Structures are given as C-alpha cells and as structure tokens.
Protein backbone atom coordinates (compact mmCIF):
# COMPACT_ATOMS: atom_id res chain seq x y z
CA MET A 1 58.29 168.44 12.21
CA ALA A 2 59.77 165.28 13.70
CA ASN A 3 63.49 164.58 13.40
CA GLY A 4 64.62 163.42 9.97
CA ASN A 5 64.81 164.75 6.44
CA PRO A 6 61.67 166.59 5.31
CA VAL A 7 59.38 164.99 2.74
CA LEU A 8 56.94 166.20 0.12
CA SER A 9 53.39 165.08 0.88
CA VAL A 10 50.99 165.15 -2.09
CA LEU A 11 47.29 164.95 -1.30
CA GLY A 12 44.59 164.37 -3.88
CA GLU A 13 42.87 162.04 -6.28
CA LEU A 14 43.74 158.88 -8.16
CA VAL A 15 42.26 158.66 -11.66
CA VAL A 16 42.43 156.00 -14.35
CA ASP A 17 42.97 157.82 -17.67
CA MET A 18 41.54 156.05 -20.72
CA LEU A 19 43.76 157.30 -23.55
CA PRO A 20 42.96 156.66 -27.22
CA VAL A 21 45.39 154.60 -29.28
CA PRO A 22 46.15 156.72 -32.39
CA GLY A 23 44.87 155.11 -35.58
CA ALA A 24 43.36 152.14 -33.75
CA ASP A 25 39.72 152.71 -34.71
CA ALA A 26 38.51 149.12 -34.78
CA GLY A 27 35.46 147.72 -36.52
CA PRO A 28 34.35 147.94 -40.15
CA GLU A 29 33.35 151.59 -39.77
CA GLY A 30 36.08 152.65 -37.38
CA THR A 31 33.53 153.34 -34.65
CA ALA A 32 35.12 151.28 -31.87
CA PRO A 33 38.29 153.14 -30.87
CA HIS A 34 40.87 151.39 -28.74
CA TYR A 35 41.86 152.86 -25.37
CA VAL A 36 44.71 152.16 -23.01
CA ALA A 37 44.11 152.51 -19.27
CA ARG A 38 46.90 154.59 -17.72
CA PRO A 39 47.35 155.77 -14.14
CA GLY A 40 46.54 159.45 -13.75
CA GLY A 41 45.07 162.20 -11.63
CA ASN A 42 46.69 165.43 -10.47
CA ALA A 43 48.06 164.05 -7.20
CA LEU A 44 49.29 160.74 -8.60
CA ASN A 45 50.97 162.47 -11.56
CA ALA A 46 52.67 165.02 -9.31
CA ALA A 47 53.85 162.40 -6.81
CA VAL A 48 55.20 160.14 -9.56
CA ALA A 49 57.04 163.06 -11.16
CA ALA A 50 58.62 163.99 -7.83
CA GLY A 51 59.50 160.37 -7.11
CA ARG A 52 61.22 159.94 -10.46
CA LEU A 53 63.23 163.07 -9.74
CA GLY A 54 64.44 161.46 -6.54
CA ALA A 55 62.40 163.43 -4.04
CA PRO A 56 61.25 161.75 -0.82
CA VAL A 57 57.54 161.89 -1.57
CA HIS A 58 54.46 160.46 0.10
CA LEU A 59 51.15 160.19 -1.74
CA LEU A 60 48.05 160.56 0.40
CA ALA A 61 45.09 159.12 -1.50
CA ARG A 62 41.91 157.13 -1.02
CA LEU A 63 42.26 153.96 -3.09
CA GLY A 64 38.88 152.97 -4.46
CA THR A 65 37.50 149.59 -5.39
CA GLY A 66 37.73 147.84 -8.73
CA PRO A 67 40.37 145.92 -10.68
CA LEU A 68 42.37 149.02 -11.65
CA GLY A 69 43.16 150.15 -8.10
CA ALA A 70 46.13 147.82 -7.67
CA ASN A 71 47.67 149.23 -10.85
CA LEU A 72 47.53 152.74 -9.42
CA ARG A 73 49.38 151.64 -6.29
CA ARG A 74 52.03 149.76 -8.30
CA HIS A 75 52.54 152.72 -10.62
CA ALA A 76 53.25 155.04 -7.70
CA ALA A 77 55.49 152.59 -5.86
CA ALA A 78 57.49 151.81 -9.02
CA SER A 79 58.39 155.50 -9.28
CA GLY A 80 59.74 155.69 -5.74
CA VAL A 81 56.59 157.08 -4.13
CA ASP A 82 55.82 156.06 -0.55
CA VAL A 83 52.26 154.67 -0.68
CA SER A 84 51.82 154.08 3.04
CA GLY A 85 49.41 157.03 2.95
CA PHE A 86 46.88 155.14 0.81
CA VAL A 87 43.52 154.69 2.54
CA PRO A 88 41.45 151.66 1.42
CA ALA A 89 38.03 152.95 0.37
CA ASP A 90 34.70 151.30 -0.41
CA GLU A 91 33.84 153.78 -3.17
CA PRO A 92 34.93 153.30 -6.82
CA VAL A 93 38.07 154.55 -8.51
CA SER A 94 37.63 157.68 -10.66
CA LEU A 95 37.74 157.27 -14.44
CA ALA A 96 38.53 159.82 -17.15
CA VAL A 97 38.05 159.11 -20.86
CA ILE A 98 40.36 161.40 -22.82
CA GLY A 99 40.26 162.70 -26.37
CA LEU A 100 43.26 164.50 -27.86
CA GLY A 101 43.15 167.63 -30.01
CA PRO A 102 45.47 168.27 -32.99
CA ASP A 103 47.92 170.06 -30.67
CA GLY A 104 47.90 167.22 -28.12
CA SER A 105 45.63 169.06 -25.68
CA PRO A 106 43.25 166.78 -23.77
CA ASP A 107 39.46 166.77 -23.73
CA TYR A 108 38.13 164.98 -20.67
CA GLY A 109 35.00 162.94 -20.07
CA PHE A 110 34.71 162.02 -16.39
CA HIS A 111 33.00 159.11 -14.63
CA VAL A 112 33.38 160.06 -10.99
CA GLN A 113 29.98 159.99 -9.32
CA GLY A 114 30.40 158.76 -5.75
CA ALA A 115 34.12 158.16 -6.25
CA ALA A 116 36.53 157.52 -3.40
CA ASP A 117 38.54 160.70 -3.95
CA TRP A 118 36.00 163.15 -2.56
CA GLN A 119 35.31 161.38 0.75
CA TRP A 120 38.26 162.38 2.97
CA THR A 121 37.63 162.71 6.70
CA ASP A 122 39.63 164.56 9.35
CA GLU A 123 40.47 161.26 11.04
CA GLU A 124 41.87 159.73 7.83
CA LEU A 125 44.06 162.73 7.11
CA ALA A 126 45.39 162.88 10.66
CA THR A 127 46.37 159.22 10.37
CA VAL A 128 48.19 159.32 7.02
CA LEU A 129 50.05 162.66 7.08
CA PRO A 130 53.78 161.96 7.66
CA ASP A 131 55.35 163.68 10.68
CA ARG A 132 58.32 164.70 8.50
CA THR A 133 56.20 166.64 6.01
CA GLY A 134 58.09 169.75 4.89
CA ILE A 135 55.95 170.62 1.86
CA VAL A 136 52.32 169.67 1.33
CA HIS A 137 50.78 169.92 -2.14
CA VAL A 138 47.00 169.92 -2.57
CA GLY A 139 44.67 170.78 -5.38
CA SER A 140 42.52 169.68 -8.26
CA ILE A 141 39.11 168.07 -7.95
CA SER A 142 39.45 166.68 -4.43
CA SER A 143 40.33 170.13 -3.07
CA TRP A 144 37.10 171.74 -4.28
CA THR A 145 34.59 168.86 -4.10
CA ALA A 146 32.73 168.21 -0.85
CA PRO A 147 32.70 166.59 1.59
CA GLY A 148 36.41 165.79 1.43
CA SER A 149 37.38 169.33 0.41
CA ASP A 150 36.37 170.62 3.84
CA ALA A 151 38.65 168.09 5.57
CA ILE A 152 41.51 169.05 3.26
CA ALA A 153 40.97 172.76 3.97
CA ARG A 154 40.99 172.12 7.71
CA LEU A 155 44.26 170.21 7.37
CA VAL A 156 45.82 173.09 5.43
CA GLU A 157 44.63 175.53 8.09
CA ARG A 158 46.24 173.40 10.78
CA LEU A 159 49.55 173.15 8.86
CA HIS A 160 49.65 176.83 7.87
CA GLY A 161 52.86 178.42 9.10
CA ASP A 162 54.53 175.10 9.98
CA VAL A 163 55.19 173.67 6.50
CA LEU A 164 55.30 175.04 2.97
CA ILE A 165 51.85 174.79 1.39
CA SER A 166 51.39 174.45 -2.38
CA VAL A 167 48.02 174.69 -4.15
CA ASP A 168 47.08 173.88 -7.76
CA PRO A 169 43.40 174.65 -8.57
CA ASN A 170 43.47 172.48 -11.74
CA ILE A 171 39.86 173.30 -12.63
CA ARG A 172 37.89 170.72 -14.59
CA PRO A 173 34.85 172.75 -15.76
CA MET A 174 32.67 169.68 -16.37
CA LEU A 175 33.08 168.72 -12.70
CA ALA A 176 33.00 172.25 -11.29
CA GLU A 177 29.62 173.30 -12.68
CA GLY A 178 26.80 172.21 -14.98
CA PRO A 179 24.84 168.96 -14.66
CA VAL A 180 27.82 166.75 -13.79
CA GLY A 181 29.20 169.29 -11.36
CA ALA A 182 25.80 169.66 -9.73
CA ALA A 183 25.65 165.89 -9.25
CA LEU A 184 28.87 166.21 -7.25
CA GLY A 185 27.50 169.15 -5.28
CA ASN A 186 29.62 171.69 -7.18
CA ASP A 187 28.77 175.01 -8.74
CA ARG A 188 30.87 178.00 -9.78
CA GLU A 189 30.27 179.97 -6.58
CA GLY A 190 30.99 177.03 -4.29
CA VAL A 191 34.17 176.01 -6.10
CA ARG A 192 35.47 179.58 -6.06
CA ALA A 193 34.82 179.85 -2.31
CA ARG A 194 36.67 176.59 -1.58
CA LEU A 195 39.62 177.69 -3.70
CA ASP A 196 39.70 181.15 -2.09
CA ARG A 197 40.01 179.45 1.31
CA LEU A 198 43.04 177.44 0.15
CA ILE A 199 44.77 180.21 -1.81
CA ALA A 200 44.68 182.54 1.19
CA LEU A 201 46.69 179.91 3.12
CA ALA A 202 49.06 178.90 0.32
CA ASP A 203 52.73 179.76 0.05
CA VAL A 204 53.03 178.57 -3.57
CA VAL A 205 50.25 178.56 -6.16
CA LYS A 206 50.54 177.02 -9.62
CA VAL A 207 47.59 178.12 -11.77
CA SER A 208 46.94 177.81 -15.50
CA ALA A 209 45.54 180.37 -17.90
CA GLU A 210 42.61 177.97 -18.40
CA ASP A 211 41.94 177.98 -14.65
CA LEU A 212 41.99 181.78 -14.62
CA ASP A 213 39.66 181.93 -17.61
CA TRP A 214 37.12 179.75 -15.80
CA LEU A 215 37.47 181.97 -12.74
CA GLY A 216 36.67 184.99 -14.92
CA LEU A 217 40.21 186.38 -14.82
CA SER A 218 41.36 185.90 -18.41
CA GLY A 219 43.12 188.67 -20.29
CA ASP A 220 45.94 190.42 -18.46
CA LEU A 221 47.87 187.46 -17.04
CA ASP A 222 50.66 189.72 -15.73
CA GLY A 223 48.14 191.79 -13.81
CA THR A 224 46.38 188.72 -12.51
CA ALA A 225 49.66 187.20 -11.34
CA ARG A 226 50.52 190.41 -9.46
CA GLN A 227 47.05 190.49 -7.91
CA TRP A 228 47.17 186.87 -6.78
CA VAL A 229 50.32 187.39 -4.69
CA THR A 230 48.41 190.01 -2.71
CA ARG A 231 45.93 187.30 -1.65
CA GLY A 232 48.38 185.39 0.53
CA PRO A 233 50.87 183.35 -1.55
CA ALA A 234 54.58 184.13 -1.51
CA LEU A 235 54.97 182.92 -5.09
CA VAL A 236 52.55 182.39 -7.98
CA LEU A 237 53.33 180.44 -11.16
CA VAL A 238 50.98 181.09 -14.09
CA THR A 239 51.22 178.60 -16.95
CA ASP A 240 49.93 179.40 -20.43
CA GLY A 241 50.52 176.36 -22.62
CA GLY A 242 53.56 176.92 -24.81
CA ALA A 243 53.69 180.64 -23.99
CA PRO A 244 56.13 181.91 -21.36
CA LEU A 245 55.40 180.99 -17.76
CA ARG A 246 54.84 183.94 -15.41
CA VAL A 247 56.36 184.10 -11.94
CA ALA A 248 55.07 186.64 -9.44
CA ARG A 249 56.33 187.46 -5.93
CA PRO A 250 55.10 190.15 -3.52
CA GLY A 251 56.76 193.49 -4.17
CA SER A 252 58.39 192.35 -7.41
CA GLY A 253 57.60 192.58 -11.08
CA VAL A 254 56.40 189.60 -13.07
CA LEU A 255 59.25 187.38 -14.26
CA ARG A 256 58.94 185.20 -17.37
CA GLN A 257 60.38 181.83 -18.29
CA GLU A 258 60.38 180.57 -21.87
CA ILE A 259 59.05 177.05 -22.46
CA PRO A 260 61.47 174.62 -24.17
CA GLU A 261 60.54 173.65 -27.70
CA VAL A 262 59.87 169.92 -27.98
CA GLU A 263 57.93 167.60 -30.24
CA VAL A 264 54.63 167.34 -28.36
CA VAL A 265 52.84 163.99 -28.27
CA ASP A 266 50.23 165.20 -25.79
CA THR A 267 50.10 167.55 -22.80
CA VAL A 268 48.45 165.21 -20.30
CA GLY A 269 50.14 165.68 -16.92
CA ALA A 270 52.27 168.63 -18.01
CA GLY A 271 51.08 170.98 -15.28
CA ASP A 272 51.39 168.27 -12.63
CA SER A 273 54.95 167.54 -13.75
CA LEU A 274 55.84 171.22 -13.67
CA ALA A 275 54.54 171.62 -10.11
CA ALA A 276 56.43 168.51 -9.01
CA GLY A 277 59.62 169.71 -10.65
CA PHE A 278 59.42 173.05 -8.85
CA LEU A 279 58.54 171.56 -5.45
CA THR A 280 61.33 168.99 -5.79
CA GLY A 281 63.73 171.85 -6.46
CA LEU A 282 62.54 173.66 -3.35
CA LEU A 283 62.96 170.51 -1.26
CA ASP A 284 66.47 169.97 -2.67
CA ALA A 285 67.29 173.58 -1.71
CA GLY A 286 66.07 173.03 1.85
CA VAL A 287 63.06 175.32 1.41
CA THR A 288 60.31 173.89 3.61
CA GLY A 289 58.89 177.07 5.09
CA ARG A 290 57.75 180.49 3.98
CA PRO A 291 60.74 182.44 5.39
CA ALA A 292 63.15 180.28 3.39
CA LEU A 293 61.05 180.73 0.25
CA GLU A 294 60.94 184.49 0.68
CA ALA A 295 64.71 184.54 1.20
CA LEU A 296 65.41 182.99 -2.22
CA SER A 297 66.70 185.46 -4.79
CA ASP A 298 64.80 185.92 -8.03
CA ASP A 299 67.73 184.35 -9.87
CA ARG A 300 67.55 181.24 -7.71
CA VAL A 301 63.79 181.00 -8.11
CA MET A 302 64.16 181.20 -11.88
CA GLU A 303 66.79 178.44 -11.84
CA LEU A 304 64.24 176.19 -10.15
CA VAL A 305 61.53 177.30 -12.58
CA ASP A 306 63.83 176.55 -15.52
CA ASP A 307 64.19 172.95 -14.35
CA ALA A 308 60.44 172.70 -13.71
CA VAL A 309 59.45 173.76 -17.22
CA LEU A 310 61.98 171.30 -18.65
CA VAL A 311 60.40 168.49 -16.59
CA ALA A 312 56.99 169.45 -18.02
CA ALA A 313 58.32 169.68 -21.58
CA LEU A 314 59.90 166.22 -21.40
CA ASN A 315 56.60 164.82 -20.12
CA CYS A 316 54.90 166.21 -23.23
CA THR A 317 57.16 164.20 -25.54
CA ARG A 318 55.52 160.95 -24.38
CA VAL A 319 52.03 159.49 -24.28
CA GLY A 320 50.00 160.43 -21.22
CA ALA A 321 51.43 161.52 -17.90
CA ASP A 322 54.94 160.05 -18.13
CA PRO A 323 57.38 162.45 -16.43
CA PRO A 324 61.16 162.09 -16.72
CA THR A 325 63.60 160.61 -14.25
CA ARG A 326 66.36 162.65 -12.66
CA ALA A 327 68.86 161.13 -15.11
CA GLU A 328 66.68 162.08 -18.09
CA LEU A 329 66.32 165.62 -16.77
CA THR A 330 70.08 165.93 -16.29
CA ALA A 331 70.74 164.62 -19.80
CA ALA A 332 68.21 167.03 -21.32
CA ARG A 333 69.66 169.94 -19.37
CA SER A 334 73.17 169.10 -20.61
CA ALA A 335 71.97 168.84 -24.21
CA ARG A 336 70.52 172.37 -24.28
C-alpha cells in the first residue's frame, strides 16, 4: 500500500431501482402504477453507506449509457464517495423494477441483458484500483457473471494477503439461473464455482439466509456459519432478516447479535448497509489486514457488529436504499 491513510474500495454494479409509489396506481382501473427511479445496486449502496458514515471510500464501477447514468454518479459523489474509479462504458445501465411485499421485502424484475456491469477487464481494474486500498469489497451480480467476474476474481487473487478482502454473494436467483440467467451465461453450477473461488480468498464474508437457501445450505444456520469459516474466511456474518445475526470465527462458537426493532418501510439495501457499517468500523479500528482482524477480541467484533446492524435497521425505516449518516447513527445509538 502506498503512503497515506487506507481506503475502502467497493467494486461492483450500478443499478437503477424502479420503486413503486405506494397508493399511486394511476388510470381508471389502477393498472398504471407510478415508479420512482432511485440509485441502487449492491456496490453503489454499500459505497454510499460507507461514505455517509465518513469512511474514505472509492467506488469502482462501469458507468453505462443512458440518461440515468449521471444521476448514479451524482448520488455517489453527494454521499462523499470518490467516483474517480468510474469507467465510462458503451453498454447500458442495469435496471431493476421492484415490487414490495407486506413486510417490505423486495421482489425484483431485472433488465440487465448486455449491461455495463458484467464487462470488467483486467486492464480497467488495474487502472482504477486506488494504491491506498486497505479493504476491498466485492460481490453480488458482477462477481458471479462472466466475463467480468473472471477479471474480478483475478484481482482478488492478486490482492490476497495484502489487503482485507470482503465478499457478499448477494444472490439474485432470476439472474443466477433459469432463462434470464442463461441469457447472461449463468447457471447454478457456474455461479457456485465463481463464488467458491472468491470465498476461499475472502477474509470477511457477509451472506444472507436467502443466499444460503439458494446454495442448498438452508436449515442449520449455526452449523453453516461454522462450516464456512473453515473454507478460508476469518469472519462470517450470516443475516436472517429480523432474526439474530450470526457471527462465526475459526475456532470459536457462533455469536449472535439481536436486530434493533424499527418501523420497517422496506428492506431494500439493508444487507449492503450492514456490510458497509461493519467495514467502516474495521477501517476506523485500523483493521486492513487479516492478522489485525484475527487479533480483534470477540467483544470488539460484536461492538462493530452492533453498529452495523443499527446502520441496516435505520436504512429500513426509509424508502429504498437510504442509509444513515454518521450523525444519524450516533443519535440513534444514544437514544437506545
């Protein structure tokens, strides 16, 4: 790492989320719902959350064509994210049309064929990665969709042992298999293999119960968490909606963190906010390598996890991916 304070580098996709406006079903039969276009995508959400918490964060993303691209850049920059790692791309921006269940959980419809996010090259990544990177966070669709996923995996292999590596599978079943997945070159076996390659190199893994279910590992989440830390990571976070979050470390039992009770508007971006909250905490603590992570006590880890779940909970009190600022987090922590 070059001289200077270490930064968090987040690598992944930019997505425009089309969110429904509650009660705004226009037309005489209510068949023309209104949508609001909001910036989204795992990487953008995580970078924005970290930026609002005051972390020095760079977002590495391929910015596709179309009128919404400039909004994505402005959204990141307005939250304190360094966007010098944006690569202008000829392919279109990814689009997700979202429906919301009664509990605020999202149902996604994706329009991503030939999108910019999956086209990373080794040369692009070598150009945009900051020299001061202390933590690199990868995951979601771009990490398991070719051809860009191979370039991302090679970057992670090159960085392994020099920086702290964080991985979030963030499976989207529609894009990982079936007709839409096949159009992207994805199937269950291929996606699993790409994720296995990353997880073996990761220091931190944040994975949801939904991800594990798709991977065929539903059921005993404690056992799965213990098994995953034998695959390479030094720390595994398993989220399960409003149920307690599991934390597993090699040689230790599974720790649990209760999720704060809040009035949920929707859960879009909750997992991304949680990952950003935890990585920001690690960066604040000077943890930018595996030895430093392994040296943290369980109590200190759980202090960072406690902040991370509060960041995610506050995000859920607002429409779409809208994580809190550092001041809002501090106020919420004081009010508990």
